[in-house]
Amino acid sequence: MTELASKQSATWRDYYEMCKPRVVMLMILTSMVGMFLAVPGMVPIDVLILGNLGIALVASSGAVVNHLIDYKVDTLMRRTHNRPIPQGRVDQKQAAIFAAAIGVIGMLIMLIWVNALSAWLTLASFIGYAFIYTGYLKRATPQNIVIGGLSGAMPPLLGWAAVTGTVEPGALILVLIIFAWTPPHFWALAIHRKDEYAKTGIPMLPVTHGEHLTKLHIILYTVIMILVTLLPYLIGMSGPLYLLAAVVLGLAFLGWSLLLLLKPTQSTAMDTFRYSIVYLMVLFVVLLVDHYL
């Protein structure tokens, strides 16, 4: 850490960055879709606003804890070395207080104005991501993202439970879609950042088992993901519009996965990663549109 960096004062943007807003926004999109799919009509406006606010605050708290636990690793990676804690703009105590504050506020919102089931499920997701994945699994096994991906797949269930107060098969299918999507999504980024991960000592699959095996894993999980995305149609949860979108989007994802294996360029891994984000966003939006058609 440079002397200049250590003297810099934090701004609201530093705290905002620690919340990983892009990740949280994608989570809230899937949470909202879970809410709308749980009911035939309109989601109650108070649950829509307060439920997603509570989920977003608790998810943001988990992101800040991730910054706290990983700050030494972040200093070694080009993608993350400018984060607020490694650069000294926010110290660890400030970050911990901020994480606790927004996490408690989020939980109180869920408990008081939404319902207890969604609150405790949100807390379980927080613990799974912040402590089980970031604190343990990430450093324990090359399958870290597979096992730990469950916590990141929870938002549709959280949204569904916020509306209904129940856990139902449709919500679990939405979780399963994101759970299957997470490995090919993240491993594409891990391939692109393989050399940086190698410096950190974190056992990411491309580092421990090589790029070729990782690319085969990406193809395998992409196929599994495509099959899982057919379930909403097969159980009557969605119609032909969603089915068409799921097949087209899935085949495009598989195309990127095969390109990454067979004819990769310097940018193919990152292009696959970027497509995976667009894929999930569009898939869930179409799922929502199909629900009301």
Protein backbone atom coordinates (compact mmCIF):
# COMPACT_ATOMS: atom_id res chain seq x y z
CA MET A 1 0.00 0.00 0.00
CA THR A 2 1.45 3.37 -0.94
CA GLU A 3 1.68 6.31 1.47
CA LEU A 4 -0.53 8.32 -0.88
CA ALA A 5 -3.19 5.65 -0.91
CA SER A 6 -3.16 5.33 2.88
CA LYS A 7 -3.90 9.05 3.24
CA GLN A 8 -6.86 9.05 0.89
CA SER A 9 -10.20 9.51 2.58
CA ALA A 10 -13.21 7.35 1.78
CA THR A 11 -16.15 8.65 -0.22
CA TRP A 12 -19.65 7.24 -0.61
CA ARG A 13 -18.45 5.69 -3.87
CA ASP A 14 -16.00 3.49 -1.94
CA TYR A 15 -18.76 2.09 0.24
CA TYR A 16 -20.98 1.71 -2.82
CA GLU A 17 -18.21 -0.21 -4.62
CA MET A 18 -17.77 -2.59 -1.69
CA CYS A 19 -21.46 -3.53 -2.05
CA LYS A 20 -20.74 -4.99 -5.53
CA PRO A 21 -23.74 -3.15 -7.01
CA ARG A 22 -23.68 -4.89 -10.40
CA VAL A 23 -23.81 -8.31 -8.79
CA VAL A 24 -26.52 -7.22 -6.38
CA MET A 25 -28.59 -5.70 -9.20
CA LEU A 26 -28.53 -9.01 -11.07
CA MET A 27 -29.57 -10.76 -7.86
CA ILE A 28 -32.46 -8.34 -7.40
CA LEU A 29 -33.60 -8.92 -10.99
CA THR A 30 -33.87 -12.64 -10.28
CA SER A 31 -35.51 -11.94 -6.91
CA MET A 32 -38.15 -9.77 -8.59
CA VAL A 33 -38.84 -12.45 -11.18
CA GLY A 34 -39.26 -14.95 -8.34
CA MET A 35 -41.79 -12.60 -6.73
CA PHE A 36 -43.86 -12.13 -9.88
CA LEU A 37 -43.82 -15.83 -10.79
CA ALA A 38 -45.14 -16.66 -7.31
CA VAL A 39 -48.49 -14.97 -7.97
CA PRO A 40 -50.88 -14.83 -10.94
CA GLY A 41 -51.38 -11.08 -10.69
CA MET A 42 -49.47 -8.13 -9.26
CA VAL A 43 -47.04 -8.48 -6.37
CA PRO A 44 -48.13 -6.36 -3.36
CA ILE A 45 -46.23 -3.10 -3.74
CA ASP A 46 -44.97 -3.06 -0.13
CA VAL A 47 -43.47 -6.55 -0.50
CA LEU A 48 -42.02 -5.66 -3.90
CA ILE A 49 -40.21 -2.60 -2.54
CA LEU A 50 -39.35 -3.63 1.01
CA GLY A 51 -38.59 -7.25 0.17
CA ASN A 52 -36.09 -6.35 -2.53
CA LEU A 53 -34.62 -3.58 -0.38
CA GLY A 54 -34.03 -6.01 2.47
CA ILE A 55 -32.54 -8.65 0.16
CA ALA A 56 -30.31 -6.03 -1.50
CA LEU A 57 -29.02 -4.71 1.84
CA VAL A 58 -28.18 -8.17 3.19
CA ALA A 59 -26.56 -9.17 -0.11
CA SER A 60 -24.55 -5.94 -0.06
CA SER A 61 -23.45 -6.74 3.49
CA GLY A 62 -22.18 -10.11 2.27
CA ALA A 63 -20.27 -8.35 -0.51
CA VAL A 64 -18.56 -6.06 2.01
CA VAL A 65 -17.60 -9.08 4.14
CA ASN A 66 -16.16 -10.60 0.96
CA HIS A 67 -14.02 -7.47 0.51
CA LEU A 68 -12.90 -7.75 4.14
CA ILE A 69 -11.90 -11.41 4.00
CA ASP A 70 -10.25 -11.15 0.57
CA TYR A 71 -8.42 -7.83 0.93
CA LYS A 72 -4.95 -9.46 0.94
CA VAL A 73 -5.85 -11.50 -2.14
CA ASP A 74 -7.26 -8.37 -3.80
CA THR A 75 -3.89 -6.62 -3.53
CA LEU A 76 -2.36 -9.31 -5.77
CA MET A 77 -4.90 -9.16 -8.59
CA ARG A 78 -5.03 -6.47 -11.27
CA ARG A 79 -8.83 -6.69 -11.35
CA THR A 80 -9.19 -5.97 -7.64
CA HIS A 81 -6.10 -4.17 -6.33
CA ASN A 82 -7.78 -0.76 -6.59
CA ARG A 83 -10.62 -1.75 -4.27
CA PRO A 84 -11.17 0.55 -1.25
CA ILE A 85 -9.67 -1.69 1.46
CA PRO A 86 -6.44 -2.70 -0.36
CA GLN A 87 -5.87 0.96 -1.24
CA GLY A 88 -6.46 2.09 2.34
CA ARG A 89 -9.41 4.37 1.60
CA VAL A 90 -11.57 2.28 3.93
CA ASP A 91 -10.02 0.48 6.90
CA GLN A 92 -11.16 -2.92 8.10
CA LYS A 93 -13.01 -1.60 11.15
CA GLN A 94 -15.00 0.87 9.05
CA ALA A 95 -15.87 -1.85 6.56
CA ALA A 96 -16.97 -4.23 9.32
CA ILE A 97 -19.21 -1.60 10.92
CA PHE A 98 -20.73 -0.75 7.53
CA ALA A 99 -21.36 -4.44 6.74
CA ALA A 100 -22.99 -5.01 10.12
CA ALA A 101 -25.15 -1.89 9.84
CA ILE A 102 -26.62 -2.57 6.40
CA GLY A 103 -26.98 -6.28 7.16
CA VAL A 104 -28.94 -5.64 10.36
CA ILE A 105 -31.12 -3.01 8.67
CA GLY A 106 -31.86 -5.43 5.83
CA MET A 107 -32.77 -8.23 8.24
CA LEU A 108 -35.04 -5.94 10.28
CA ILE A 109 -36.85 -4.85 7.13
CA MET A 110 -37.43 -8.48 6.18
CA LEU A 111 -38.53 -9.53 9.66
CA ILE A 112 -40.82 -6.57 10.38
CA TRP A 113 -42.37 -5.79 7.00
CA VAL A 114 -42.01 -8.95 4.91
CA ASN A 115 -42.01 -12.35 6.67
CA ALA A 116 -39.81 -14.50 8.86
CA LEU A 117 -39.22 -17.30 6.33
CA SER A 118 -37.80 -14.97 3.68
CA ALA A 119 -35.71 -13.23 6.36
CA TRP A 120 -34.09 -16.43 7.63
CA LEU A 121 -33.52 -17.70 4.10
CA THR A 122 -31.84 -14.37 3.28
CA LEU A 123 -29.65 -14.74 6.37
CA ALA A 124 -28.74 -18.29 5.32
CA SER A 125 -27.74 -17.01 1.88
CA PHE A 126 -25.60 -14.32 3.52
CA ILE A 127 -23.81 -16.84 5.74
CA GLY A 128 -23.31 -19.19 2.81
CA TYR A 129 -21.67 -16.54 0.64
CA ALA A 130 -19.81 -14.40 3.16
CA PHE A 131 -18.43 -17.09 5.45
CA ILE A 132 -18.85 -20.61 4.05
CA TYR A 133 -17.83 -19.73 0.47
CA THR A 134 -15.51 -16.72 0.91
CA GLY A 135 -14.08 -17.74 4.27
CA TYR A 136 -13.64 -21.47 3.64
CA LEU A 137 -14.64 -23.10 0.35
CA LYS A 138 -12.88 -20.58 -1.88
CA ARG A 139 -9.53 -21.64 -0.44
CA ALA A 140 -10.36 -25.29 0.22
CA THR A 141 -11.29 -26.89 -3.11
CA PRO A 142 -11.22 -26.29 -6.88
CA GLN A 143 -14.95 -27.06 -6.79
CA ASN A 144 -15.44 -23.95 -4.63
CA ILE A 145 -17.72 -22.17 -7.10
CA VAL A 146 -19.88 -25.27 -7.62
CA ILE A 147 -20.57 -25.85 -3.93
CA GLY A 148 -20.60 -22.19 -2.95
CA GLY A 149 -22.77 -21.24 -5.90
CA LEU A 150 -25.90 -22.29 -4.01
CA SER A 151 -25.90 -19.14 -1.88
CA GLY A 152 -25.69 -16.95 -4.98
CA ALA A 153 -28.55 -18.89 -6.56
CA MET A 154 -30.97 -18.12 -3.73
CA PRO A 155 -32.50 -14.73 -4.74
CA PRO A 156 -35.46 -16.13 -6.76
CA LEU A 157 -36.38 -18.27 -3.75
CA LEU A 158 -36.00 -15.27 -1.44
CA GLY A 159 -38.33 -13.24 -3.65
CA TRP A 160 -40.84 -16.08 -3.94
CA ALA A 161 -40.84 -16.65 -0.17
CA ALA A 162 -41.22 -12.91 0.45
CA VAL A 163 -44.53 -12.98 -1.42
CA THR A 164 -45.96 -16.36 -0.40
CA GLY A 165 -44.21 -17.20 2.88
CA THR A 166 -43.59 -20.66 1.45
CA VAL A 167 -40.95 -22.67 -0.42
CA GLU A 168 -42.44 -24.21 -3.56
CA PRO A 169 -41.12 -26.37 -6.44
CA GLY A 170 -41.23 -23.49 -8.94
CA ALA A 171 -38.95 -21.40 -6.74
CA LEU A 172 -36.52 -24.29 -6.33
CA ILE A 173 -36.33 -24.72 -10.12
CA LEU A 174 -35.33 -21.05 -10.46
CA VAL A 175 -32.61 -21.63 -7.87
CA LEU A 176 -31.45 -24.71 -9.77
CA ILE A 177 -31.15 -22.69 -13.00
CA ILE A 178 -28.78 -20.17 -11.40
CA PHE A 179 -26.95 -22.94 -9.54
CA ALA A 180 -26.21 -24.70 -12.87
CA TRP A 181 -25.35 -21.39 -14.57
CA THR A 182 -22.78 -20.28 -11.97
CA PRO A 183 -19.88 -22.69 -12.77
CA PRO A 184 -19.64 -21.98 -16.53
CA HIS A 185 -20.18 -18.28 -15.82
CA PHE A 186 -17.40 -18.00 -13.25
CA TRP A 187 -14.94 -20.49 -14.74
CA ALA A 188 -14.85 -18.44 -17.95
CA LEU A 189 -13.66 -15.48 -15.87
CA ALA A 190 -11.26 -17.72 -13.94
CA ILE A 191 -9.63 -18.83 -17.21
CA HIS A 192 -9.18 -15.20 -18.23
CA ARG A 193 -7.65 -14.40 -14.81
CA LYS A 194 -5.77 -17.70 -14.37
CA ASP A 195 -2.32 -16.14 -13.92
CA GLU A 196 -3.62 -13.72 -11.28
CA TYR A 197 -5.38 -16.48 -9.36
CA ALA A 198 -2.17 -18.53 -9.48
CA LYS A 199 -0.37 -15.72 -7.60
CA THR A 200 -2.98 -15.71 -4.83
CA GLY A 201 -2.79 -19.41 -3.98
CA ILE A 202 -6.57 -19.79 -4.36
CA PRO A 203 -7.22 -23.24 -5.95
CA MET A 204 -9.34 -22.17 -8.89
CA LEU A 205 -9.94 -25.00 -11.34
CA PRO A 206 -7.90 -23.54 -14.25
CA VAL A 207 -4.93 -23.20 -11.88
CA THR A 208 -5.13 -26.63 -10.25
CA HIS A 209 -6.29 -28.74 -13.22
CA GLY A 210 -5.46 -26.65 -16.28
CA GLU A 211 -7.49 -24.75 -18.85
CA HIS A 212 -8.43 -27.75 -20.99
CA LEU A 213 -10.18 -29.63 -18.18
CA THR A 214 -11.86 -26.41 -17.05
CA LYS A 215 -13.21 -25.84 -20.56
CA LEU A 216 -14.59 -29.40 -20.61
CA HIS A 217 -16.26 -28.68 -17.27
CA ILE A 218 -17.75 -25.49 -18.73
CA ILE A 219 -19.28 -27.47 -21.60
CA LEU A 220 -20.62 -30.13 -19.22
CA TYR A 221 -22.25 -27.60 -16.91
CA THR A 222 -23.60 -25.62 -19.86
CA VAL A 223 -25.38 -28.75 -21.11
CA ILE A 224 -26.72 -29.40 -17.60
CA MET A 225 -27.85 -25.76 -17.42
CA ILE A 226 -29.70 -26.00 -20.75
CA LEU A 227 -31.55 -29.12 -19.57
CA VAL A 228 -32.45 -27.48 -16.26
CA THR A 229 -33.82 -24.39 -18.04
CA LEU A 230 -36.36 -26.64 -19.79
CA LEU A 231 -37.98 -27.55 -16.45
CA PRO A 232 -40.21 -24.45 -16.14
CA TYR A 233 -41.86 -25.40 -19.44
CA LEU A 234 -42.04 -29.12 -18.63
CA ILE A 235 -43.91 -28.53 -15.35
CA GLY A 236 -46.27 -25.99 -16.92
CA MET A 237 -44.73 -23.02 -15.17
CA SER A 238 -44.04 -21.25 -18.48
CA GLY A 239 -45.11 -21.40 -22.11
CA PRO A 240 -43.71 -21.66 -25.65
CA LEU A 241 -42.13 -18.17 -25.63
CA TYR A 242 -39.94 -19.06 -22.69
CA LEU A 243 -39.12 -22.47 -24.16
CA LEU A 244 -37.96 -20.88 -27.43
CA ALA A 245 -35.83 -18.33 -25.58
CA ALA A 246 -34.32 -20.96 -23.28
CA VAL A 247 -33.31 -23.16 -26.23
CA VAL A 248 -31.90 -20.31 -28.37
CA LEU A 249 -30.06 -18.63 -25.49
CA GLY A 250 -28.77 -21.98 -24.24
CA LEU A 251 -27.47 -23.07 -27.63
CA ALA A 252 -25.69 -19.72 -27.98
CA PHE A 253 -24.08 -20.30 -24.57
CA LEU A 254 -23.03 -23.76 -25.68
CA GLY A 255 -21.60 -22.22 -28.84
CA TRP A 256 -19.43 -19.88 -26.79
CA SER A 257 -18.34 -22.82 -24.60
CA LEU A 258 -17.33 -24.87 -27.63
CA LEU A 259 -15.52 -21.90 -29.16
CA LEU A 260 -13.63 -21.48 -25.90
CA LEU A 261 -12.47 -25.10 -26.15
CA LEU A 262 -11.86 -25.46 -29.88
CA LYS A 263 -10.85 -22.04 -31.26
CA PRO A 264 -10.09 -19.68 -28.39
CA THR A 265 -8.63 -16.23 -28.89
CA GLN A 266 -7.24 -13.93 -26.24
CA SER A 267 -10.71 -12.50 -25.60
CA THR A 268 -12.89 -15.62 -25.90
CA ALA A 269 -12.96 -16.42 -22.17
CA MET A 270 -13.99 -12.87 -21.25
CA ASP A 271 -16.50 -12.76 -24.10
CA THR A 272 -18.03 -16.00 -22.80
CA PHE A 273 -18.19 -14.50 -19.30
CA ARG A 274 -19.93 -11.37 -20.59
CA TYR A 275 -22.41 -13.41 -22.62
CA SER A 276 -23.24 -15.48 -19.53
CA ILE A 277 -24.42 -12.33 -17.72
CA VAL A 278 -26.57 -11.23 -20.66
CA TYR A 279 -27.87 -14.80 -20.91
CA LEU A 280 -29.16 -14.90 -17.35
CA MET A 281 -30.70 -11.43 -17.53
CA VAL A 282 -32.56 -12.12 -20.77
CA LEU A 283 -33.64 -15.61 -19.68
CA PHE A 284 -35.27 -14.29 -16.51
CA VAL A 285 -36.86 -11.31 -18.25
CA VAL A 286 -38.41 -13.62 -20.86
CA LEU A 287 -39.57 -15.92 -18.07
CA LEU A 288 -41.34 -12.91 -16.53
CA VAL A 289 -42.88 -11.75 -19.82
CA ASP A 290 -44.07 -15.27 -20.62
CA HIS A 291 -45.72 -15.48 -17.19
CA TYR A 292 -48.09 -12.63 -18.04
CA LEU A 293 -48.85 -13.60 -21.63
